Amino acid sequence: AQMCVGHLKLLPHDQVAMPYQWEYPYLLSILPSLLGLL
């Protein structure tokens, strides 16, 4: 949600900052959770 709000400029950047670089690869962290559930 923070990434979407930051990139789509839904709120000003002084309210919701642009994401840090580490957040982009962290998005892949959903894959291990799905494998665990499977």
PDB file of all heavy atoms in Angstrom:
ATOM      1  N   ALA A   1       0.832  -1.205   0.000  1.00  0.00           N
ATOM      2  CA  ALA A   1       0.000   0.000   0.000  1.00  0.00           C
ATOM      3  C   ALA A   1       0.867   1.256   0.000  1.00  0.00           C
ATOM      4  O   ALA A   1       0.584   2.216  -0.728  1.00  0.00           O
ATOM      5  CB  ALA A   1      -0.929   0.001   1.211  1.00  0.00           C
ATOM      6  N   GLN A   2       1.940   1.243   0.797  1.00  0.00           N
ATOM      7  CA  GLN A   2       2.846   2.392   0.822  1.00  0.00           C
ATOM      8  C   GLN A   2       3.466   2.611  -0.549  1.00  0.00           C
ATOM      9  O   GLN A   2       3.575   3.744  -1.020  1.00  0.00           O
ATOM     10  CB  GLN A   2       3.947   2.211   1.868  1.00  0.00           C
ATOM     11  CG  GLN A   2       4.876   3.404   1.940  1.00  0.00           C
ATOM     12  CD  GLN A   2       6.314   3.050   2.232  1.00  0.00           C
ATOM     13  OE1 GLN A   2       6.665   1.894   2.386  1.00  0.00           O
ATOM     14  NE2 GLN A   2       7.152   4.063   2.297  1.00  0.00           N
ATOM     15  N   MET A   3       3.851   1.539  -1.208  1.00  0.00           N
ATOM     16  CA  MET A   3       4.443   1.657  -2.540  1.00  0.00           C
ATOM     17  C   MET A   3       3.445   2.211  -3.545  1.00  0.00           C
ATOM     18  O   MET A   3       3.782   3.080  -4.341  1.00  0.00           O
ATOM     19  CB  MET A   3       4.966   0.306  -3.015  1.00  0.00           C
ATOM     20  CG  MET A   3       6.183  -0.138  -2.302  1.00  0.00           C
ATOM     21  SD  MET A   3       6.742  -1.672  -3.012  1.00  0.00           S
ATOM     22  CE  MET A   3       8.369  -1.732  -2.356  1.00  0.00           C
ATOM     23  N   CYS A   4       2.224   1.699  -3.512  1.00  0.00           N
ATOM     24  CA  CYS A   4       1.195   2.183  -4.442  1.00  0.00           C
ATOM     25  C   CYS A   4       0.897   3.660  -4.203  1.00  0.00           C
ATOM     26  O   CYS A   4       0.833   4.443  -5.159  1.00  0.00           O
ATOM     27  CB  CYS A   4      -0.082   1.361  -4.294  1.00  0.00           C
ATOM     28  SG  CYS A   4       0.076  -0.317  -4.912  1.00  0.00           S
ATOM     29  N   VAL A   5       0.734   4.033  -2.948  1.00  0.00           N
ATOM     30  CA  VAL A   5       0.442   5.431  -2.624  1.00  0.00           C
ATOM     31  C   VAL A   5       1.600   6.323  -3.033  1.00  0.00           C
ATOM     32  O   VAL A   5       1.400   7.405  -3.593  1.00  0.00           O
ATOM     33  CB  VAL A   5       0.125   5.579  -1.117  1.00  0.00           C
ATOM     34  CG1 VAL A   5       0.114   7.036  -0.693  1.00  0.00           C
ATOM     35  CG2 VAL A   5      -1.212   4.927  -0.794  1.00  0.00           C
ATOM     36  N   GLY A   6       2.831   5.862  -2.796  1.00  0.00           N
ATOM     37  CA  GLY A   6       4.006   6.654  -3.148  1.00  0.00           C
ATOM     38  C   GLY A   6       4.180   6.834  -4.644  1.00  0.00           C
ATOM     39  O   GLY A   6       4.451   7.934  -5.121  1.00  0.00           O
ATOM     40  N   HIS A   7       4.027   5.747  -5.375  1.00  0.00           N
ATOM     41  CA  HIS A   7       4.267   5.809  -6.819  1.00  0.00           C
ATOM     42  C   HIS A   7       3.109   6.411  -7.600  1.00  0.00           C
ATOM     43  O   HIS A   7       3.319   7.067  -8.613  1.00  0.00           O
ATOM     44  CB  HIS A   7       4.599   4.424  -7.372  1.00  0.00           C
ATOM     45  CG  HIS A   7       5.994   3.993  -7.050  1.00  0.00           C
ATOM     46  ND1 HIS A   7       7.096   4.586  -7.598  1.00  0.00           N
ATOM     47  CD2 HIS A   7       6.459   3.037  -6.211  1.00  0.00           C
ATOM     48  CE1 HIS A   7       8.190   4.014  -7.119  1.00  0.00           C
ATOM     49  NE2 HIS A   7       7.827   3.077  -6.271  1.00  0.00           N
ATOM     50  N   LEU A   8       1.895   6.187  -7.144  1.00  0.00           N
ATOM     51  CA  LEU A   8       0.731   6.733  -7.845  1.00  0.00           C
ATOM     52  C   LEU A   8       0.401   8.150  -7.377  1.00  0.00           C
ATOM     53  O   LEU A   8      -0.555   8.748  -7.858  1.00  0.00           O
ATOM     54  CB  LEU A   8      -0.474   5.813  -7.666  1.00  0.00           C
ATOM     55  CG  LEU A   8      -0.319   4.394  -8.223  1.00  0.00           C
ATOM     56  CD1 LEU A   8      -1.536   3.549  -7.893  1.00  0.00           C
ATOM     57  CD2 LEU A   8      -0.072   4.435  -9.727  1.00  0.00           C
ATOM     58  N   LYS A   9       1.163   8.629  -6.402  1.00  0.00           N
ATOM     59  CA  LYS A   9       0.998   9.991  -5.860  1.00  0.00           C
ATOM     60  C   LYS A   9      -0.442  10.238  -5.392  1.00  0.00           C
ATOM     61  O   LYS A   9      -1.016  11.293  -5.644  1.00  0.00           O
ATOM     62  CB  LYS A   9       1.430  11.024  -6.892  1.00  0.00           C
ATOM     63  CG  LYS A   9       2.885  10.905  -7.249  1.00  0.00           C
ATOM     64  CD  LYS A   9       3.296  11.891  -8.310  1.00  0.00           C
ATOM     65  CE  LYS A   9       4.774  11.653  -8.579  1.00  0.00           C
ATOM     66  NZ  LYS A   9       5.177  11.796  -9.924  1.00  0.00           N
ATOM     67  N   LEU A  10      -0.988   9.239  -4.687  1.00  0.00           N
ATOM     68  CA  LEU A  10      -2.334   9.371  -4.148  1.00  0.00           C
ATOM     69  C   LEU A  10      -2.367  10.339  -2.969  1.00  0.00           C
ATOM     70  O   LEU A  10      -3.394  10.954  -2.699  1.00  0.00           O
ATOM     71  CB  LEU A  10      -2.872   7.998  -3.723  1.00  0.00           C
ATOM     72  CG  LEU A  10      -2.960   6.961  -4.847  1.00  0.00           C
ATOM     73  CD1 LEU A  10      -3.385   5.608  -4.291  1.00  0.00           C
ATOM     74  CD2 LEU A  10      -3.930   7.414  -5.928  1.00  0.00           C
ATOM     75  N   LEU A  11      -1.255  10.416  -2.254  1.00  0.00           N
ATOM     76  CA  LEU A  11      -1.078  11.376  -1.164  1.00  0.00           C
ATOM     77  C   LEU A  11       0.238  12.102  -1.403  1.00  0.00           C
ATOM     78  O   LEU A  11       1.148  11.550  -2.030  1.00  0.00           O
ATOM     79  CB  LEU A  11      -1.035  10.655   0.194  1.00  0.00           C
ATOM     80  CG  LEU A  11      -2.334  10.003   0.668  1.00  0.00           C
ATOM     81  CD1 LEU A  11      -2.084   9.179   1.915  1.00  0.00           C
ATOM     82  CD2 LEU A  11      -3.401  11.044   0.943  1.00  0.00           C
ATOM     83  N   PRO A  12       0.372  13.318  -0.893  1.00  0.00           N
ATOM     84  CA  PRO A  12       1.645  14.029  -1.075  1.00  0.00           C
ATOM     85  C   PRO A  12       2.796  13.294  -0.387  1.00  0.00           C
ATOM     86  O   PRO A  12       2.600  12.587   0.600  1.00  0.00           O
ATOM     87  CB  PRO A  12       1.405  15.395  -0.418  1.00  0.00           C
ATOM     88  CG  PRO A  12       0.027  15.399   0.106  1.00  0.00           C
ATOM     89  CD  PRO A  12      -0.622  14.096  -0.182  1.00  0.00           C
ATOM     90  N   HIS A  13       4.000  13.470  -0.932  1.00  0.00           N
ATOM     91  CA  HIS A  13       5.170  12.766  -0.394  1.00  0.00           C
ATOM     92  C   HIS A  13       5.530  13.205   1.017  1.00  0.00           C
ATOM     93  O   HIS A  13       6.254  12.500   1.714  1.00  0.00           O
ATOM     94  CB  HIS A  13       6.374  12.931  -1.321  1.00  0.00           C
ATOM     95  CG  HIS A  13       6.245  12.154  -2.589  1.00  0.00           C
ATOM     96  ND1 HIS A  13       6.106  10.791  -2.621  1.00  0.00           N
ATOM     97  CD2 HIS A  13       6.193  12.551  -3.885  1.00  0.00           C
ATOM     98  CE1 HIS A  13       5.990  10.377  -3.863  1.00  0.00           C
ATOM     99  NE2 HIS A  13       6.027  11.427  -4.657  1.00  0.00           N
ATOM    100  N   ASP A  14       5.031  14.357   1.468  1.00  0.00           N
ATOM    101  CA  ASP A  14       5.310  14.731   2.853  1.00  0.00           C
ATOM    102  C   ASP A  14       4.402  13.968   3.822  1.00  0.00           C
ATOM    103  O   ASP A  14       4.654  13.939   5.013  1.00  0.00           O
ATOM    104  CB  ASP A  14       5.186  16.245   3.067  1.00  0.00           C
ATOM    105  CG  ASP A  14       3.811  16.792   2.715  1.00  0.00           C
ATOM    106  OD1 ASP A  14       3.041  16.089   2.040  1.00  0.00           O
ATOM    107  OD2 ASP A  14       3.524  17.936   3.119  1.00  0.00           O
ATOM    108  N   GLN A  15       3.360  13.294   3.297  1.00  0.00           N
ATOM    109  CA  GLN A  15       2.519  12.442   4.138  1.00  0.00           C
ATOM    110  C   GLN A  15       2.952  10.980   4.066  1.00  0.00           C
ATOM    111  O   GLN A  15       2.999  10.305   5.083  1.00  0.00           O
ATOM    112  CB  GLN A  15       1.052  12.552   3.723  1.00  0.00           C
ATOM    113  CG  GLN A  15       0.342  13.699   4.374  1.00  0.00           C
ATOM    114  CD  GLN A  15      -1.156  13.537   4.232  1.00  0.00           C
ATOM    115  OE1 GLN A  15      -1.656  13.178   3.165  1.00  0.00           O
ATOM    116  NE2 GLN A  15      -1.863  13.806   5.304  1.00  0.00           N
ATOM    117  N   VAL A  16       3.217  10.506   2.867  1.00  0.00           N
ATOM    118  CA  VAL A  16       3.674   9.115   2.687  1.00  0.00           C
ATOM    119  C   VAL A  16       4.904   9.149   1.789  1.00  0.00           C
ATOM    120  O   VAL A  16       4.818   9.472   0.611  1.00  0.00           O
ATOM    121  CB  VAL A  16       2.581   8.221   2.067  1.00  0.00           C
ATOM    122  CG1 VAL A  16       3.116   6.823   1.815  1.00  0.00           C
ATOM    123  CG2 VAL A  16       1.359   8.165   2.965  1.00  0.00           C
ATOM    124  N   ALA A  17       6.035   8.806   2.372  1.00  0.00           N
ATOM    125  CA  ALA A  17       7.307   8.862   1.655  1.00  0.00           C
ATOM    126  C   ALA A  17       7.394   7.785   0.588  1.00  0.00           C
ATOM    127  O   ALA A  17       6.728   6.746   0.669  1.00  0.00           O
ATOM    128  CB  ALA A  17       8.459   8.691   2.640  1.00  0.00           C
ATOM    129  N   MET A  18       8.240   8.031  -0.392  1.00  0.00           N
ATOM    130  CA  MET A  18       8.545   7.008  -1.389  1.00  0.00           C
ATOM    131  C   MET A  18       9.228   5.831  -0.689  1.00  0.00           C
ATOM    132  O   MET A  18       9.923   6.023   0.313  1.00  0.00           O
ATOM    133  CB  MET A  18       9.478   7.579  -2.467  1.00  0.00           C
ATOM    134  CG  MET A  18       8.784   8.544  -3.406  1.00  0.00           C
ATOM    135  SD  MET A  18       7.503   7.768  -4.393  1.00  0.00           S
ATOM    136  CE  MET A  18       8.475   6.771  -5.494  1.00  0.00           C
ATOM    137  N   PRO A  19       9.055   4.626  -1.200  1.00  0.00           N
ATOM    138  CA  PRO A  19       9.651   3.455  -0.548  1.00  0.00           C
ATOM    139  C   PRO A  19      11.177   3.462  -0.625  1.00  0.00           C
ATOM    140  O   PRO A  19      11.770   4.030  -1.538  1.00  0.00           O
ATOM    141  CB  PRO A  19       9.094   2.277  -1.323  1.00  0.00           C
ATOM    142  CG  PRO A  19       8.277   2.816  -2.421  1.00  0.00           C
ATOM    143  CD  PRO A  19       8.238   4.285  -2.341  1.00  0.00           C
ATOM    144  N   TYR A  20      11.784   2.821   0.363  1.00  0.00           N
ATOM    145  CA  TYR A  20      13.227   2.588   0.337  1.00  0.00           C
ATOM    146  C   TYR A  20      13.515   1.468  -0.658  1.00  0.00           C
ATOM    147  O   TYR A  20      12.626   0.678  -1.004  1.00  0.00           O
ATOM    148  CB  TYR A  20      13.732   2.183   1.726  1.00  0.00           C
ATOM    149  CG  TYR A  20      13.712   3.312   2.725  1.00  0.00           C
ATOM    150  CD1 TYR A  20      12.698   3.415   3.674  1.00  0.00           C
ATOM    151  CD2 TYR A  20      14.716   4.278   2.724  1.00  0.00           C
ATOM    152  CE1 TYR A  20      12.681   4.452   4.591  1.00  0.00           C
ATOM    153  CE2 TYR A  20      14.708   5.318   3.637  1.00  0.00           C
ATOM    154  CZ  TYR A  20      13.689   5.397   4.565  1.00  0.00           C
ATOM    155  OH  TYR A  20      13.678   6.428   5.462  1.00  0.00           O
ATOM    156  N   GLN A  21      14.748   1.348  -1.097  1.00  0.00           N
ATOM    157  CA  GLN A  21      15.121   0.354  -2.111  1.00  0.00           C
ATOM    158  C   GLN A  21      14.900  -1.085  -1.649  1.00  0.00           C
ATOM    159  O   GLN A  21      14.567  -1.946  -2.449  1.00  0.00           O
ATOM    160  CB  GLN A  21      16.587   0.546  -2.535  1.00  0.00           C
ATOM    161  CG  GLN A  21      16.830   1.826  -3.310  1.00  0.00           C
ATOM    162  CD  GLN A  21      16.044   1.862  -4.597  1.00  0.00           C
ATOM    163  OE1 GLN A  21      16.047   0.920  -5.370  1.00  0.00           O
ATOM    164  NE2 GLN A  21      15.329   2.952  -4.827  1.00  0.00           N
ATOM    165  N   TRP A  22      15.075  -1.357  -0.369  1.00  0.00           N
ATOM    166  CA  TRP A  22      14.941  -2.725   0.118  1.00  0.00           C
ATOM    167  C   TRP A  22      13.493  -3.231   0.042  1.00  0.00           C
ATOM    168  O   TRP A  22      13.261  -4.443   0.043  1.00  0.00           O
ATOM    169  CB  TRP A  22      15.448  -2.863   1.545  1.00  0.00           C
ATOM    170  CG  TRP A  22      14.624  -2.157   2.575  1.00  0.00           C
ATOM    171  CD1 TRP A  22      14.784  -0.881   3.026  1.00  0.00           C
ATOM    172  CD2 TRP A  22      13.490  -2.677   3.285  1.00  0.00           C
ATOM    173  NE1 TRP A  22      13.832  -0.576   3.965  1.00  0.00           N
ATOM    174  CE2 TRP A  22      13.026  -1.669   4.146  1.00  0.00           C
ATOM    175  CE3 TRP A  22      12.820  -3.894   3.264  1.00  0.00           C
ATOM    176  CZ2 TRP A  22      11.937  -1.837   4.979  1.00  0.00           C
ATOM    177  CZ3 TRP A  22      11.732  -4.067   4.107  1.00  0.00           C
ATOM    178  CH2 TRP A  22      11.302  -3.047   4.955  1.00  0.00           C
ATOM    179  N   GLU A  23      12.540  -2.319  -0.035  1.00  0.00           N
ATOM    180  CA  GLU A  23      11.145  -2.736  -0.044  1.00  0.00           C
ATOM    181  C   GLU A  23      10.753  -3.446  -1.341  1.00  0.00           C
ATOM    182  O   GLU A  23       9.851  -4.274  -1.348  1.00  0.00           O
ATOM    183  CB  GLU A  23      10.238  -1.531   0.192  1.00  0.00           C
ATOM    184  CG  GLU A  23      10.411  -0.941   1.585  1.00  0.00           C
ATOM    185  CD  GLU A  23       9.558   0.281   1.804  1.00  0.00           C
ATOM    186  OE1 GLU A  23       8.315   0.146   1.738  1.00  0.00           O
ATOM    187  OE2 GLU A  23      10.124   1.368   2.032  1.00  0.00           O
ATOM    188  N   TYR A  24      11.420  -3.115  -2.441  1.00  0.00           N
ATOM    189  CA  TYR A  24      11.090  -3.744  -3.726  1.00  0.00           C
ATOM    190  C   TYR A  24      11.397  -5.244  -3.730  1.00  0.00           C
ATOM    191  O   TYR A  24      10.520  -6.042  -4.062  1.00  0.00           O
ATOM    192  CB  TYR A  24      11.787  -3.018  -4.872  1.00  0.00           C
ATOM    193  CG  TYR A  24      11.363  -1.572  -4.985  1.00  0.00           C
ATOM    194  CD1 TYR A  24      12.190  -0.553  -4.541  1.00  0.00           C
ATOM    195  CD2 TYR A  24      10.124  -1.234  -5.511  1.00  0.00           C
ATOM    196  CE1 TYR A  24      11.799   0.777  -4.625  1.00  0.00           C
ATOM    197  CE2 TYR A  24       9.714   0.091  -5.600  1.00  0.00           C
ATOM    198  CZ  TYR A  24      10.555   1.087  -5.151  1.00  0.00           C
ATOM    199  OH  TYR A  24      10.158   2.398  -5.220  1.00  0.00           O
ATOM    200  N   PRO A  25      12.612  -5.680  -3.356  1.00  0.00           N
ATOM    201  CA  PRO A  25      12.820  -7.136  -3.315  1.00  0.00           C
ATOM    202  C   PRO A  25      12.004  -7.816  -2.214  1.00  0.00           C
ATOM    203  O   PRO A  25      11.668  -8.995  -2.333  1.00  0.00           O
ATOM    204  CB  PRO A  25      14.327  -7.293  -3.073  1.00  0.00           C
ATOM    205  CG  PRO A  25      14.828  -5.976  -2.651  1.00  0.00           C
ATOM    206  CD  PRO A  25      13.860  -4.947  -3.128  1.00  0.00           C
ATOM    207  N   TYR A  26      11.655  -7.066  -1.171  1.00  0.00           N
ATOM    208  CA  TYR A  26      10.840  -7.671  -0.107  1.00  0.00           C
ATOM    209  C   TYR A  26       9.454  -8.065  -0.611  1.00  0.00           C
ATOM    210  O   TYR A  26       8.822  -8.948  -0.046  1.00  0.00           O
ATOM    211  CB  TYR A  26      10.729  -6.732   1.096  1.00  0.00           C
ATOM    212  CG  TYR A  26      10.077  -7.385   2.284  1.00  0.00           C
ATOM    213  CD1 TYR A  26      10.798  -8.265   3.082  1.00  0.00           C
ATOM    214  CD2 TYR A  26       8.740  -7.174   2.584  1.00  0.00           C
ATOM    215  CE1 TYR A  26      10.207  -8.895   4.160  1.00  0.00           C
ATOM    216  CE2 TYR A  26       8.138  -7.797   3.657  1.00  0.00           C
ATOM    217  CZ  TYR A  26       8.872  -8.650   4.447  1.00  0.00           C
ATOM    218  OH  TYR A  26       8.280  -9.289   5.505  1.00  0.00           O
ATOM    219  N   LEU A  27       9.007  -7.432  -1.689  1.00  0.00           N
ATOM    220  CA  LEU A  27       7.711  -7.818  -2.252  1.00  0.00           C
ATOM    221  C   LEU A  27       7.697  -9.291  -2.673  1.00  0.00           C
ATOM    222  O   LEU A  27       6.646  -9.931  -2.679  1.00  0.00           O
ATOM    223  CB  LEU A  27       7.352  -6.937  -3.449  1.00  0.00           C
ATOM    224  CG  LEU A  27       6.901  -5.518  -3.124  1.00  0.00           C
ATOM    225  CD1 LEU A  27       6.568  -4.771  -4.403  1.00  0.00           C
ATOM    226  CD2 LEU A  27       5.713  -5.507  -2.180  1.00  0.00           C
ATOM    227  N   LEU A  28       8.861  -9.828  -3.016  1.00  0.00           N
ATOM    228  CA  LEU A  28       8.947 -11.247  -3.385  1.00  0.00           C
ATOM    229  C   LEU A  28       8.749 -12.168  -2.184  1.00  0.00           C
ATOM    230  O   LEU A  28       8.602 -13.374  -2.344  1.00  0.00           O
ATOM    231  CB  LEU A  28      10.297 -11.537  -4.042  1.00  0.00           C
ATOM    232  CG  LEU A  28      10.546 -10.862  -5.388  1.00  0.00           C
ATOM    233  CD1 LEU A  28      11.980 -11.112  -5.845  1.00  0.00           C
ATOM    234  CD2 LEU A  28       9.560 -11.365  -6.423  1.00  0.00           C
ATOM    235  N   SER A  29       8.740 -11.612  -0.984  1.00  0.00           N
ATOM    236  CA  SER A  29       8.610 -12.433   0.219  1.00  0.00           C
ATOM    237  C   SER A  29       7.244 -13.098   0.332  1.00  0.00           C
ATOM    238  O   SER A  29       7.048 -13.955   1.195  1.00  0.00           O
ATOM    239  CB  SER A  29       8.881 -11.594   1.470  1.00  0.00           C
ATOM    240  OG  SER A  29       7.837 -10.658   1.677  1.00  0.00           O
ATOM    241  N   ILE A  30       6.323 -12.743  -0.526  1.00  0.00           N
ATOM    242  CA  ILE A  30       5.021 -13.397  -0.505  1.00  0.00           C
ATOM    243  C   ILE A  30       5.132 -14.831  -1.047  1.00  0.00           C
ATOM    244  O   ILE A  30       4.373 -15.715  -0.652  1.00  0.00           O
ATOM    245  CB  ILE A  30       3.968 -12.571  -1.292  1.00  0.00           C
ATOM    246  CG1 ILE A  30       2.560 -12.971  -0.888  1.00  0.00           C
ATOM    247  CG2 ILE A  30       4.153 -12.688  -2.769  1.00  0.00           C
ATOM    248  CD1 ILE A  30       2.155 -12.557   0.483  1.00  0.00           C
ATOM    249  N   LEU A  31       6.125 -15.075  -1.911  1.00  0.00           N
ATOM    250  CA  LEU A  31       6.300 -16.410  -2.496  1.00  0.00           C
ATOM    251  C   LEU A  31       6.587 -17.495  -1.453  1.00  0.00           C
ATOM    252  O   LEU A  31       5.963 -18.562  -1.498  1.00  0.00           O
ATOM    253  CB  LEU A  31       7.396 -16.380  -3.561  1.00  0.00           C
ATOM    254  CG  LEU A  31       7.123 -15.473  -4.764  1.00  0.00           C
ATOM    255  CD1 LEU A  31       8.339 -15.423  -5.689  1.00  0.00           C
ATOM    256  CD2 LEU A  31       5.894 -15.920  -5.506  1.00  0.00           C
ATOM    257  N   PRO A  32       7.518 -17.281  -0.505  1.00  0.00           N
ATOM    258  CA  PRO A  32       7.744 -18.320   0.505  1.00  0.00           C
ATOM    259  C   PRO A  32       6.493 -18.615   1.339  1.00  0.00           C
ATOM    260  O   PRO A  32       6.250 -19.761   1.711  1.00  0.00           O
ATOM    261  CB  PRO A  32       8.847 -17.743   1.393  1.00  0.00           C
ATOM    262  CG  PRO A  32       9.479 -16.667   0.620  1.00  0.00           C
ATOM    263  CD  PRO A  32       8.480 -16.191  -0.377  1.00  0.00           C
ATOM    264  N   SER A  33       5.712 -17.581   1.603  1.00  0.00           N
ATOM    265  CA  SER A  33       4.488 -17.794   2.379  1.00  0.00           C
ATOM    266  C   SER A  33       3.505 -18.666   1.602  1.00  0.00           C
ATOM    267  O   SER A  33       2.872 -19.560   2.164  1.00  0.00           O
ATOM    268  CB  SER A  33       3.849 -16.460   2.726  1.00  0.00           C
ATOM    269  OG  SER A  33       4.679 -15.753   3.615  1.00  0.00           O
ATOM    270  N   LEU A  34       3.386 -18.399   0.312  1.00  0.00           N
ATOM    271  CA  LEU A  34       2.489 -19.220  -0.514  1.00  0.00           C
ATOM    272  C   LEU A  34       2.976 -20.665  -0.579  1.00  0.00           C
ATOM    273  O   LEU A  34       2.171 -21.602  -0.504  1.00  0.00           O
ATOM    274  CB  LEU A  34       2.369 -18.632  -1.913  1.00  0.00           C
ATOM    275  CG  LEU A  34       1.696 -17.261  -1.998  1.00  0.00           C
ATOM    276  CD1 LEU A  34       1.739 -16.732  -3.430  1.00  0.00           C
ATOM    277  CD2 LEU A  34       0.270 -17.327  -1.488  1.00  0.00           C
ATOM    278  N   LEU A  35       4.280 -20.846  -0.721  1.00  0.00           N
ATOM    279  CA  LEU A  35       4.833 -22.211  -0.732  1.00  0.00           C
ATOM    280  C   LEU A  35       4.571 -22.917   0.593  1.00  0.00           C
ATOM    281  O   LEU A  35       4.276 -24.113   0.625  1.00  0.00           O
ATOM    282  CB  LEU A  35       6.331 -22.181  -1.029  1.00  0.00           C
ATOM    283  CG  LEU A  35       6.729 -21.903  -2.471  1.00  0.00           C
ATOM    284  CD1 LEU A  35       8.236 -21.673  -2.574  1.00  0.00           C
ATOM    285  CD2 LEU A  35       6.300 -23.039  -3.368  1.00  0.00           C
ATOM    286  N   GLY A  36       4.694 -22.174   1.684  1.00  0.00           N
ATOM    287  CA  GLY A  36       4.417 -22.751   2.998  1.00  0.00           C
ATOM    288  C   GLY A  36       2.967 -23.214   3.106  1.00  0.00           C
ATOM    289  O   GLY A  36       2.687 -24.312   3.593  1.00  0.00           O
ATOM    290  N   LEU A  37       2.058 -22.370   2.642  1.00  0.00           N
ATOM    291  CA  LEU A  37       0.645 -22.755   2.682  1.00  0.00           C
ATOM    292  C   LEU A  37       0.353 -23.946   1.774  1.00  0.00           C
ATOM    293  O   LEU A  37      -0.468 -24.811   2.107  1.00  0.00           O
ATOM    294  CB  LEU A  37      -0.239 -21.571   2.286  1.00  0.00           C
ATOM    295  CG  LEU A  37      -0.338 -20.451   3.314  1.00  0.00           C
ATOM    296  CD1 LEU A  37      -1.126 -19.269   2.737  1.00  0.00           C
ATOM    297  CD2 LEU A  37      -0.967 -20.932   4.610  1.00  0.00           C
ATOM    298  N   LEU A  38       1.031 -24.016   0.620  1.00  0.00           N
ATOM    299  CA  LEU A  38       0.840 -25.142  -0.297  1.00  0.00           C
ATOM    300  C   LEU A  38       1.366 -26.454   0.273  1.00  0.00           C
ATOM    301  O   LEU A  38       0.916 -27.536  -0.120  1.00  0.00           O
ATOM    302  CB  LEU A  38       1.523 -24.860  -1.634  1.00  0.00           C
ATOM    303  CG  LEU A  38       0.864 -23.820  -2.531  1.00  0.00           C
ATOM    304  CD1 LEU A  38       1.742 -23.542  -3.750  1.00  0.00           C
ATOM    305  CD2 LEU A  38      -0.516 -24.296  -2.967  1.00  0.00           C
TER     306      LEU A  38
END
